[in-house]
Protein backbone atom coordinates (compact mmCIF):
# COMPACT_ATOMS: atom_id res chain seq x y z
CA MET A 1 218.41 40.22 110.02
CA ARG A 2 220.22 42.84 111.92
CA LEU A 3 224.05 43.50 110.47
CA PHE A 4 226.75 44.74 112.41
CA ASN A 5 229.84 46.43 111.46
CA ILE A 6 232.72 44.93 113.16
CA VAL A 7 236.45 44.88 113.08
CA THR A 8 238.69 42.32 114.49
CA LYS A 9 240.74 42.85 118.14
CA PRO A 10 244.06 43.40 117.80
CA THR A 11 245.95 39.97 118.28
CA TYR A 12 249.58 39.03 118.10
CA LYS A 13 250.48 36.05 115.81
CA ARG A 14 254.06 34.92 115.04
CA ALA A 15 255.18 33.85 111.35
CA VAL A 16 257.93 32.75 109.42
CA ARG A 17 258.64 33.40 105.61
CA VAL A 18 259.74 30.27 103.73
CA ASP A 19 263.12 29.75 102.07
CA THR A 20 263.57 27.00 100.14
CA HIS A 21 267.18 27.69 99.49
CA ASP A 22 268.40 27.70 102.86
CA TYR A 23 268.23 23.98 104.14
CA ASP A 24 269.08 24.50 107.90
CA GLU A 25 266.31 27.11 108.20
CA MET A 26 263.34 24.74 106.32
CA CYS A 27 264.15 21.97 108.71
CA GLU A 28 263.76 24.48 111.60
CA ILE A 29 260.33 25.95 110.04
CA VAL A 30 259.44 21.93 109.43
CA ALA A 31 259.96 21.37 113.32
CA TRP A 32 257.91 24.42 114.12
CA CYS A 33 255.07 23.89 112.36
CA ASN A 34 255.17 19.95 112.83
CA GLY A 35 255.25 19.64 108.78
CA GLU A 36 256.99 17.92 106.65
CA ALA A 37 259.68 18.87 103.58
CA ILE A 38 258.70 17.69 100.43
CA ALA A 39 260.20 17.92 97.10
CA GLU A 40 257.78 17.79 93.87
CA ASP A 41 258.16 20.83 91.13
CA ASP A 42 260.19 22.64 93.71
CA HIS A 43 260.78 22.25 97.57
CA VAL A 44 257.50 22.71 99.38
CA ILE A 45 256.68 22.15 103.14
CA ALA A 46 253.30 20.83 104.27
CA PHE A 47 251.30 20.75 107.51
CA GLN A 48 248.37 19.89 108.86
CA THR A 49 245.70 23.04 109.31
CA VAL A 50 243.51 23.24 112.29
CA ASP A 51 240.44 22.06 110.36
CA GLY A 52 242.35 18.86 109.27
CA ASN A 53 243.44 19.93 105.78
CA ARG A 54 247.06 19.43 104.49
CA ALA A 55 248.38 22.91 103.18
CA THR A 56 251.55 23.58 101.50
CA VAL A 57 253.83 26.53 101.23
CA GLY A 58 256.54 27.33 98.63
CA ASP A 59 259.33 29.61 98.59
CA GLY A 60 258.49 33.02 99.77
CA ASP A 61 255.10 31.92 101.05
CA TRP A 62 254.27 32.74 104.97
CA ILE A 63 253.18 29.87 107.32
CA ILE A 64 251.39 31.56 110.14
CA GLN A 65 250.83 30.59 113.99
CA GLY A 66 247.31 31.65 115.24
CA VAL A 67 246.12 32.62 118.81
CA VAL A 68 245.76 29.06 119.67
CA GLY A 69 248.55 27.70 117.86
CA GLU A 70 246.99 26.58 114.76
CA PHE A 71 249.07 26.89 111.37
CA TYR A 72 247.88 28.27 108.20
CA PRO A 73 249.68 29.22 105.09
CA CYS A 74 249.45 32.72 103.55
CA ASN A 75 251.07 34.18 100.23
CA PRO A 76 253.16 36.91 100.27
CA GLU A 77 250.45 39.46 98.66
CA VAL A 78 247.92 38.95 101.14
CA PHE A 79 250.20 39.02 104.04
CA GLY A 80 251.48 42.31 102.73
CA GLN A 81 247.75 43.54 102.91
CA SER A 82 246.74 42.28 106.09
CA PHE A 83 249.68 42.25 108.63
CA GLU A 84 252.25 44.53 109.96
CA PHE A 85 255.38 43.44 112.06
CA VAL A 86 255.49 44.83 115.68
CA ASP A 87 258.23 45.27 118.04
CA GLY A 88 261.06 45.55 115.34
CA SER A 89 260.89 42.01 114.70
CA ASN A 90 261.32 42.51 110.91
């Protein structure tokens, strides 16, 4: 077996941070990711991931749109360690 050291190619993705205190923005996010708003213990958004699983995000979490249009959740800590803002979009 031969192991290779690799690095991912730079890819541009789109992301939105969930703010459950802003109803209008939550509605926009739900429409963007084809999700649904759910009120359980706290307001959350649920959506389908590319592998068919149902993901949920809450206040402060991120929803990322991948390179082929798929959506996936990301918590703030992982987001901060993994992504940078580009083109002054923050």
